[in-house]
Amino acid sequence: MKEIFQIFLAIFLAELGDKTQLATIAFASKYGWWKAFIGAILGLALVNLIGALIGEKIKDSLPLDIVHKAAGVLFIAFGVLMLLGKL
């Protein structure tokens, strides 16, 4: 149960104020909060399911420290691309 709370907190903080939340605000202003909420939940659930399935598949073929380093490099790369206006 502790792990689920840690994952919840990490995802909650990562998503707070990001483009997904801003898009949800825009959809809610057009379609209402309930439709925007359901659509956002389903979209986030599907994308996170894909990530979880990929993580499950690579766990036996890649060491965890390499996965963490690769994720860090991707986060930095996306951040730089966003700063440069490429994303």
PDB file of N, CA and C in Angstrom:
ATOM      1  N   MET A   1       0.818  -1.199   0.000  1.00  0.00           N
ATOM      2  CA  MET A   1       0.000   0.000   0.000  1.00  0.00           C
ATOM      3  C   MET A   1       0.861   1.262   0.000  1.00  0.00           C
ATOM      4  N   LYS A   2       1.998   1.202   0.690  1.00  0.00           N
ATOM      5  CA  LYS A   2       2.896   2.349   0.740  1.00  0.00           C
ATOM      6  C   LYS A   2       3.382   2.714  -0.660  1.00  0.00           C
ATOM      7  N   GLU A   3       3.682   1.700  -1.470  1.00  0.00           N
ATOM      8  CA  GLU A   3       4.168   1.941  -2.826  1.00  0.00           C
ATOM      9  C   GLU A   3       3.102   2.625  -3.679  1.00  0.00           C
ATOM     10  N   ILE A   4       1.845   2.216  -3.508  1.00  0.00           N
ATOM     11  CA  ILE A   4       0.763   2.837  -4.276  1.00  0.00           C
ATOM     12  C   ILE A   4       0.638   4.312  -3.918  1.00  0.00           C
ATOM     13  N   PHE A   5       0.742   4.635  -2.633  1.00  0.00           N
ATOM     14  CA  PHE A   5       0.677   6.042  -2.217  1.00  0.00           C
ATOM     15  C   PHE A   5       1.851   6.828  -2.789  1.00  0.00           C
ATOM     16  N   GLN A   6       3.053   6.246  -2.780  1.00  0.00           N
ATOM     17  CA  GLN A   6       4.223   6.925  -3.346  1.00  0.00           C
ATOM     18  C   GLN A   6       4.036   7.195  -4.838  1.00  0.00           C
ATOM     19  N   ILE A   7       3.508   6.214  -5.548  1.00  0.00           N
ATOM     20  CA  ILE A   7       3.251   6.397  -6.981  1.00  0.00           C
ATOM     21  C   ILE A   7       2.190   7.467  -7.201  1.00  0.00           C
ATOM     22  N   PHE A   8       1.104   7.389  -6.410  1.00  0.00           N
ATOM     23  CA  PHE A   8       0.051   8.403  -6.500  1.00  0.00           C
ATOM     24  C   PHE A   8       0.619   9.805  -6.300  1.00  0.00           C
ATOM     25  N   LEU A   9       1.406   9.987  -5.257  1.00  0.00           N
ATOM     26  CA  LEU A   9       1.948  11.299  -4.939  1.00  0.00           C
ATOM     27  C   LEU A   9       2.881  11.799  -6.043  1.00  0.00           C
ATOM     28  N   ALA A  10       3.728  10.927  -6.550  1.00  0.00           N
ATOM     29  CA  ALA A  10       4.647  11.322  -7.623  1.00  0.00           C
ATOM     30  C   ALA A  10       3.883  11.739  -8.878  1.00  0.00           C
ATOM     31  N   ILE A  11       2.892  10.951  -9.271  1.00  0.00           N
ATOM     32  CA  ILE A  11       2.108  11.273 -10.473  1.00  0.00           C
ATOM     33  C   ILE A  11       1.281  12.532 -10.241  1.00  0.00           C
ATOM     34  N   PHE A  12       0.678  12.660  -9.067  1.00  0.00           N
ATOM     35  CA  PHE A  12      -0.116  13.849  -8.756  1.00  0.00           C
ATOM     36  C   PHE A  12       0.727  15.110  -8.869  1.00  0.00           C
ATOM     37  N   LEU A  13       1.902  15.095  -8.255  1.00  0.00           N
ATOM     38  CA  LEU A  13       2.764  16.282  -8.294  1.00  0.00           C
ATOM     39  C   LEU A  13       3.301  16.548  -9.695  1.00  0.00           C
ATOM     40  N   ALA A  14       3.593  15.483 -10.450  1.00  0.00           N
ATOM     41  CA  ALA A  14       4.098  15.659 -11.812  1.00  0.00           C
ATOM     42  C   ALA A  14       3.030  16.253 -12.730  1.00  0.00           C
ATOM     43  N   GLU A  15       1.783  15.884 -12.511  1.00  0.00           N
ATOM     44  CA  GLU A  15       0.704  16.337 -13.393  1.00  0.00           C
ATOM     45  C   GLU A  15       0.138  17.699 -12.989  1.00  0.00           C
ATOM     46  N   LEU A  16       0.387  18.124 -11.765  1.00  0.00           N
ATOM     47  CA  LEU A  16      -0.177  19.376 -11.265  1.00  0.00           C
ATOM     48  C   LEU A  16       0.353  20.556 -12.076  1.00  0.00           C
ATOM     49  N   GLY A  17      -0.533  21.246 -12.755  1.00  0.00           N
ATOM     50  CA  GLY A  17      -0.159  22.440 -13.498  1.00  0.00           C
ATOM     51  C   GLY A  17       0.492  22.174 -14.843  1.00  0.00           C
ATOM     52  N   ASP A  18       0.480  20.946 -15.332  1.00  0.00           N
ATOM     53  CA  ASP A  18       1.105  20.679 -16.623  1.00  0.00           C
ATOM     54  C   ASP A  18       0.111  20.926 -17.759  1.00  0.00           C
ATOM     55  N   LYS A  19       0.544  20.637 -18.974  1.00  0.00           N
ATOM     56  CA  LYS A  19      -0.305  20.883 -20.142  1.00  0.00           C
ATOM     57  C   LYS A  19      -1.585  20.068 -20.112  1.00  0.00           C
ATOM     58  N   THR A  20      -1.531  18.873 -19.534  1.00  0.00           N
ATOM     59  CA  THR A  20      -2.730  18.045 -19.444  1.00  0.00           C
ATOM     60  C   THR A  20      -3.790  18.718 -18.583  1.00  0.00           C
ATOM     61  N   GLN A  21      -3.375  19.273 -17.469  1.00  0.00           N
ATOM     62  CA  GLN A  21      -4.331  19.939 -16.595  1.00  0.00           C
ATOM     63  C   GLN A  21      -4.897  21.189 -17.270  1.00  0.00           C
ATOM     64  N   LEU A  22      -4.061  21.927 -17.976  1.00  0.00           N
ATOM     65  CA  LEU A  22      -4.543  23.115 -18.688  1.00  0.00           C
ATOM     66  C   LEU A  22      -5.523  22.732 -19.787  1.00  0.00           C
ATOM     67  N   ALA A  23      -5.246  21.629 -20.489  1.00  0.00           N
ATOM     68  CA  ALA A  23      -6.183  21.154 -21.512  1.00  0.00           C
ATOM     69  C   ALA A  23      -7.504  20.749 -20.879  1.00  0.00           C
ATOM     70  N   THR A  24      -7.451  20.103 -19.717  1.00  0.00           N
ATOM     71  CA  THR A  24      -8.671  19.699 -19.025  1.00  0.00           C
ATOM     72  C   THR A  24      -9.488  20.924 -18.621  1.00  0.00           C
ATOM     73  N   ILE A  25      -8.819  21.971 -18.183  1.00  0.00           N
ATOM     74  CA  ILE A  25      -9.516  23.218 -17.844  1.00  0.00           C
ATOM     75  C   ILE A  25     -10.233  23.768 -19.074  1.00  0.00           C
ATOM     76  N   ALA A  26      -9.537  23.757 -20.210  1.00  0.00           N
ATOM     77  CA  ALA A  26     -10.151  24.260 -21.441  1.00  0.00           C
ATOM     78  C   ALA A  26     -11.350  23.404 -21.852  1.00  0.00           C
ATOM     79  N   PHE A  27     -11.213  22.079 -21.774  1.00  0.00           N
ATOM     80  CA  PHE A  27     -12.329  21.199 -22.122  1.00  0.00           C
ATOM     81  C   PHE A  27     -13.505  21.388 -21.161  1.00  0.00           C
ATOM     82  N   ALA A  28     -13.214  21.568 -19.885  1.00  0.00           N
ATOM     83  CA  ALA A  28     -14.282  21.767 -18.905  1.00  0.00           C
ATOM     84  C   ALA A  28     -15.052  23.054 -19.181  1.00  0.00           C
ATOM     85  N   SER A  29     -14.345  24.084 -19.623  1.00  0.00           N
ATOM     86  CA  SER A  29     -15.038  25.342 -19.910  1.00  0.00           C
ATOM     87  C   SER A  29     -15.941  25.217 -21.136  1.00  0.00           C
ATOM     88  N   LYS A  30     -15.629  24.261 -22.013  1.00  0.00           N
ATOM     89  CA  LYS A  30     -16.437  24.074 -23.224  1.00  0.00           C
ATOM     90  C   LYS A  30     -17.519  23.007 -23.042  1.00  0.00           C
ATOM     91  N   TYR A  31     -17.163  21.876 -22.388  1.00  0.00           N
ATOM     92  CA  TYR A  31     -18.070  20.734 -22.318  1.00  0.00           C
ATOM     93  C   TYR A  31     -18.624  20.448 -20.920  1.00  0.00           C
ATOM     94  N   GLY A  32     -18.144  21.158 -19.913  1.00  0.00           N
ATOM     95  CA  GLY A  32     -18.577  20.912 -18.548  1.00  0.00           C
ATOM     96  C   GLY A  32     -17.573  20.049 -17.801  1.00  0.00           C
ATOM     97  N   TRP A  33     -17.580  20.192 -16.474  1.00  0.00           N
ATOM     98  CA  TRP A  33     -16.542  19.534 -15.668  1.00  0.00           C
ATOM     99  C   TRP A  33     -16.656  18.025 -15.718  1.00  0.00           C
ATOM    100  N   TRP A  34     -17.857  17.465 -15.763  1.00  0.00           N
ATOM    101  CA  TRP A  34     -18.026  16.009 -15.694  1.00  0.00           C
ATOM    102  C   TRP A  34     -17.455  15.322 -16.932  1.00  0.00           C
ATOM    103  N   LYS A  35     -17.781  15.837 -18.118  1.00  0.00           N
ATOM    104  CA  LYS A  35     -17.252  15.244 -19.354  1.00  0.00           C
ATOM    105  C   LYS A  35     -15.742  15.407 -19.437  1.00  0.00           C
ATOM    106  N   ALA A  36     -15.242  16.570 -19.035  1.00  0.00           N
ATOM    107  CA  ALA A  36     -13.798  16.795 -19.055  1.00  0.00           C
ATOM    108  C   ALA A  36     -13.086  15.869 -18.074  1.00  0.00           C
ATOM    109  N   PHE A  37     -13.661  15.681 -16.912  1.00  0.00           N
ATOM    110  CA  PHE A  37     -13.077  14.807 -15.899  1.00  0.00           C
ATOM    111  C   PHE A  37     -13.018  13.362 -16.388  1.00  0.00           C
ATOM    112  N   ILE A  38     -14.135  12.857 -16.910  1.00  0.00           N
ATOM    113  CA  ILE A  38     -14.177  11.475 -17.390  1.00  0.00           C
ATOM    114  C   ILE A  38     -13.203  11.282 -18.549  1.00  0.00           C
ATOM    115  N   GLY A  39     -13.208  12.208 -19.498  1.00  0.00           N
ATOM    116  CA  GLY A  39     -12.275  12.111 -20.626  1.00  0.00           C
ATOM    117  C   GLY A  39     -10.824  12.155 -20.185  1.00  0.00           C
ATOM    118  N   ALA A  40     -10.509  13.035 -19.243  1.00  0.00           N
ATOM    119  CA  ALA A  40      -9.131  13.144 -18.752  1.00  0.00           C
ATOM    120  C   ALA A  40      -8.714  11.884 -17.999  1.00  0.00           C
ATOM    121  N   ILE A  41      -9.603  11.355 -17.178  1.00  0.00           N
ATOM    122  CA  ILE A  41      -9.309  10.125 -16.433  1.00  0.00           C
ATOM    123  C   ILE A  41      -9.039   8.975 -17.393  1.00  0.00           C
ATOM    124  N   LEU A  42      -9.891   8.811 -18.394  1.00  0.00           N
ATOM    125  CA  LEU A  42      -9.715   7.716 -19.350  1.00  0.00           C
ATOM    126  C   LEU A  42      -8.426   7.880 -20.158  1.00  0.00           C
ATOM    127  N   GLY A  43      -8.139   9.107 -20.584  1.00  0.00           N
ATOM    128  CA  GLY A  43      -6.916   9.361 -21.343  1.00  0.00           C
ATOM    129  C   GLY A  43      -5.661   9.089 -20.518  1.00  0.00           C
ATOM    130  N   LEU A  44      -5.646   9.593 -19.288  1.00  0.00           N
ATOM    131  CA  LEU A  44      -4.494   9.366 -18.416  1.00  0.00           C
ATOM    132  C   LEU A  44      -4.350   7.899 -18.034  1.00  0.00           C
ATOM    133  N   ALA A  45      -5.493   7.240 -17.801  1.00  0.00           N
ATOM    134  CA  ALA A  45      -5.439   5.813 -17.453  1.00  0.00           C
ATOM    135  C   ALA A  45      -4.829   5.007 -18.599  1.00  0.00           C
ATOM    136  N   LEU A  46      -5.241   5.283 -19.829  1.00  0.00           N
ATOM    137  CA  LEU A  46      -4.718   4.532 -20.967  1.00  0.00           C
ATOM    138  C   LEU A  46      -3.231   4.778 -21.176  1.00  0.00           C
ATOM    139  N   VAL A  47      -2.808   6.028 -21.108  1.00  0.00           N
ATOM    140  CA  VAL A  47      -1.393   6.319 -21.333  1.00  0.00           C
ATOM    141  C   VAL A  47      -0.537   5.738 -20.207  1.00  0.00           C
ATOM    142  N   ASN A  48      -1.053   5.743 -18.978  1.00  0.00           N
ATOM    143  CA  ASN A  48      -0.302   5.156 -17.873  1.00  0.00           C
ATOM    144  C   ASN A  48      -0.310   3.631 -17.934  1.00  0.00           C
ATOM    145  N   LEU A  49      -1.384   3.041 -18.456  1.00  0.00           N
ATOM    146  CA  LEU A  49      -1.394   1.596 -18.666  1.00  0.00           C
ATOM    147  C   LEU A  49      -0.314   1.198 -19.667  1.00  0.00           C
ATOM    148  N   ILE A  50      -0.188   1.956 -20.729  1.00  0.00           N
ATOM    149  CA  ILE A  50       0.865   1.685 -21.718  1.00  0.00           C
ATOM    150  C   ILE A  50       2.238   1.759 -21.060  1.00  0.00           C
ATOM    151  N   GLY A  51       2.469   2.803 -20.260  1.00  0.00           N
ATOM    152  CA  GLY A  51       3.750   2.937 -19.563  1.00  0.00           C
ATOM    153  C   GLY A  51       4.012   1.796 -18.602  1.00  0.00           C
ATOM    154  N   ALA A  52       2.983   1.391 -17.872  1.00  0.00           N
ATOM    155  CA  ALA A  52       3.138   0.290 -16.914  1.00  0.00           C
ATOM    156  C   ALA A  52       3.447  -1.020 -17.637  1.00  0.00           C
ATOM    157  N   LEU A  53       2.783  -1.261 -18.753  1.00  0.00           N
ATOM    158  CA  LEU A  53       3.033  -2.494 -19.512  1.00  0.00           C
ATOM    159  C   LEU A  53       4.443  -2.506 -20.094  1.00  0.00           C
ATOM    160  N   ILE A  54       4.895  -1.356 -20.596  1.00  0.00           N
ATOM    161  CA  ILE A  54       6.268  -1.271 -21.109  1.00  0.00           C
ATOM    162  C   ILE A  54       7.261  -1.501 -19.979  1.00  0.00           C
ATOM    163  N   GLY A  55       7.016  -0.885 -18.827  1.00  0.00           N
ATOM    164  CA  GLY A  55       7.887  -1.080 -17.671  1.00  0.00           C
ATOM    165  C   GLY A  55       7.962  -2.532 -17.239  1.00  0.00           C
ATOM    166  N   GLU A  56       6.823  -3.198 -17.260  1.00  0.00           N
ATOM    167  CA  GLU A  56       6.774  -4.617 -16.895  1.00  0.00           C
ATOM    168  C   GLU A  56       7.578  -5.464 -17.887  1.00  0.00           C
ATOM    169  N   LYS A  57       7.500  -5.108 -19.167  1.00  0.00           N
ATOM    170  CA  LYS A  57       8.214  -5.876 -20.194  1.00  0.00           C
ATOM    171  C   LYS A  57       9.732  -5.711 -20.104  1.00  0.00           C
ATOM    172  N   ILE A  58      10.188  -4.487 -19.791  1.00  0.00           N
ATOM    173  CA  ILE A  58      11.638  -4.249 -19.800  1.00  0.00           C
ATOM    174  C   ILE A  58      12.316  -4.565 -18.477  1.00  0.00           C
ATOM    175  N   LYS A  59      11.540  -4.872 -17.438  1.00  0.00           N
ATOM    176  CA  LYS A  59      12.137  -5.069 -16.108  1.00  0.00           C
ATOM    177  C   LYS A  59      13.147  -6.209 -16.071  1.00  0.00           C
ATOM    178  N   ASP A  60      12.936  -7.240 -16.863  1.00  0.00           N
ATOM    179  CA  ASP A  60      13.846  -8.380 -16.845  1.00  0.00           C
ATOM    180  C   ASP A  60      15.003  -8.244 -17.826  1.00  0.00           C
ATOM    181  N   SER A  61      14.887  -7.305 -18.770  1.00  0.00           N
ATOM    182  CA  SER A  61      15.932  -7.191 -19.779  1.00  0.00           C
ATOM    183  C   SER A  61      16.872  -6.008 -19.562  1.00  0.00           C
ATOM    184  N   LEU A  62      16.475  -5.050 -18.729  1.00  0.00           N
ATOM    185  CA  LEU A  62      17.324  -3.893 -18.455  1.00  0.00           C
ATOM    186  C   LEU A  62      17.467  -3.698 -16.947  1.00  0.00           C
ATOM    187  N   PRO A  63      18.672  -3.419 -16.474  1.00  0.00           N
ATOM    188  CA  PRO A  63      18.840  -3.115 -15.042  1.00  0.00           C
ATOM    189  C   PRO A  63      18.101  -1.821 -14.662  1.00  0.00           C
ATOM    190  N   LEU A  64      17.597  -1.771 -13.446  1.00  0.00           N
ATOM    191  CA  LEU A  64      16.804  -0.629 -12.987  1.00  0.00           C
ATOM    192  C   LEU A  64      17.575   0.686 -13.052  1.00  0.00           C
ATOM    193  N   ASP A  65      18.865   0.655 -12.746  1.00  0.00           N
ATOM    194  CA  ASP A  65      19.627   1.911 -12.789  1.00  0.00           C
ATOM    195  C   ASP A  65      19.713   2.461 -14.216  1.00  0.00           C
ATOM    196  N   ILE A  66      19.758   1.598 -15.202  1.00  0.00           N
ATOM    197  CA  ILE A  66      19.773   2.071 -16.601  1.00  0.00           C
ATOM    198  C   ILE A  66      18.412   2.671 -16.961  1.00  0.00           C
ATOM    199  N   VAL A  67      17.330   2.050 -16.501  1.00  0.00           N
ATOM    200  CA  VAL A  67      15.992   2.593 -16.753  1.00  0.00           C
ATOM    201  C   VAL A  67      15.864   3.974 -16.120  1.00  0.00           C
ATOM    202  N   HIS A  68      16.341   4.134 -14.883  1.00  0.00           N
ATOM    203  CA  HIS A  68      16.278   5.437 -14.206  1.00  0.00           C
ATOM    204  C   HIS A  68      17.106   6.486 -14.949  1.00  0.00           C
ATOM    205  N   LYS A  69      18.299   6.119 -15.371  1.00  0.00           N
ATOM    206  CA  LYS A  69      19.150   7.070 -16.100  1.00  0.00           C
ATOM    207  C   LYS A  69      18.526   7.447 -17.439  1.00  0.00           C
ATOM    208  N   ALA A  70      17.971   6.472 -18.148  1.00  0.00           N
ATOM    209  CA  ALA A  70      17.331   6.757 -19.432  1.00  0.00           C
ATOM    210  C   ALA A  70      16.129   7.683 -19.239  1.00  0.00           C
ATOM    211  N   ALA A  71      15.336   7.437 -18.185  1.00  0.00           N
ATOM    212  CA  ALA A  71      14.192   8.301 -17.904  1.00  0.00           C
ATOM    213  C   ALA A  71      14.663   9.721 -17.587  1.00  0.00           C
ATOM    214  N   GLY A  72      15.743   9.839 -16.827  1.00  0.00           N
ATOM    215  CA  GLY A  72      16.293  11.160 -16.514  1.00  0.00           C
ATOM    216  C   GLY A  72      16.757  11.896 -17.751  1.00  0.00           C
ATOM    217  N   VAL A  73      17.434  11.185 -18.639  1.00  0.00           N
ATOM    218  CA  VAL A  73      17.900  11.795 -19.889  1.00  0.00           C
ATOM    219  C   VAL A  73      16.708  12.255 -20.732  1.00  0.00           C
ATOM    220  N   LEU A  74      15.662  11.425 -20.805  1.00  0.00           N
ATOM    221  CA  LEU A  74      14.468  11.816 -21.567  1.00  0.00           C
ATOM    222  C   LEU A  74      13.790  13.044 -20.969  1.00  0.00           C
ATOM    223  N   PHE A  75      13.671  13.093 -19.643  1.00  0.00           N
ATOM    224  CA  PHE A  75      13.084  14.270 -19.002  1.00  0.00           C
ATOM    225  C   PHE A  75      13.882  15.528 -19.320  1.00  0.00           C
ATOM    226  N   ILE A  76      15.208  15.438 -19.231  1.00  0.00           N
ATOM    227  CA  ILE A  76      16.060  16.589 -19.538  1.00  0.00           C
ATOM    228  C   ILE A  76      15.913  16.988 -20.997  1.00  0.00           C
ATOM    229  N   ALA A  77      15.924  16.000 -21.902  1.00  0.00           N
ATOM    230  CA  ALA A  77      15.792  16.293 -23.329  1.00  0.00           C
ATOM    231  C   ALA A  77      14.468  16.982 -23.633  1.00  0.00           C
ATOM    232  N   PHE A  78      13.376  16.464 -23.068  1.00  0.00           N
ATOM    233  CA  PHE A  78      12.079  17.108 -23.294  1.00  0.00           C
ATOM    234  C   PHE A  78      12.052  18.512 -22.703  1.00  0.00           C
ATOM    235  N   GLY A  79      12.664  18.700 -21.543  1.00  0.00           N
ATOM    236  CA  GLY A  79      12.718  20.027 -20.940  1.00  0.00           C
ATOM    237  C   GLY A  79      13.476  21.017 -21.801  1.00  0.00           C
ATOM    238  N   VAL A  80      14.618  20.592 -22.327  1.00  0.00           N
ATOM    239  CA  VAL A  80      15.411  21.466 -23.205  1.00  0.00           C
ATOM    240  C   VAL A  80      14.622  21.786 -24.473  1.00  0.00           C
ATOM    241  N   LEU A  81      13.989  20.778 -25.066  1.00  0.00           N
ATOM    242  CA  LEU A  81      13.194  21.008 -26.269  1.00  0.00           C
ATOM    243  C   LEU A  81      12.039  21.977 -26.003  1.00  0.00           C
ATOM    244  N   MET A  82      11.429  21.858 -24.826  1.00  0.00           N
ATOM    245  CA  MET A  82      10.346  22.791 -24.481  1.00  0.00           C
ATOM    246  C   MET A  82      10.882  24.205 -24.302  1.00  0.00           C
ATOM    247  N   LEU A  83      12.038  24.328 -23.655  1.00  0.00           N
ATOM    248  CA  LEU A  83      12.639  25.656 -23.486  1.00  0.00           C
ATOM    249  C   LEU A  83      12.996  26.297 -24.813  1.00  0.00           C
ATOM    250  N   LEU A  84      13.399  25.483 -25.766  1.00  0.00           N
ATOM    251  CA  LEU A  84      13.757  25.979 -27.097  1.00  0.00           C
ATOM    252  C   LEU A  84      12.556  26.183 -27.995  1.00  0.00           C
ATOM    253  N   GLY A  85      11.379  25.834 -27.483  1.00  0.00           N
ATOM    254  CA  GLY A  85      10.150  26.013 -28.266  1.00  0.00           C
ATOM    255  C   GLY A  85       9.961  24.958 -29.343  1.00  0.00           C
ATOM    256  N   LYS A  86      10.597  23.831 -29.224  1.00  0.00           N
ATOM    257  CA  LYS A  86      10.486  22.767 -30.217  1.00  0.00           C
ATOM    258  C   LYS A  86       9.362  21.801 -29.914  1.00  0.00           C
ATOM    259  N   LEU A  87       8.792  21.846 -28.709  1.00  0.00           N
ATOM    260  CA  LEU A  87       7.651  20.989 -28.350  1.00  0.00           C
ATOM    261  C   LEU A  87       6.450  21.823 -28.016  1.00  0.00           C
TER     262      LEU A  87
END
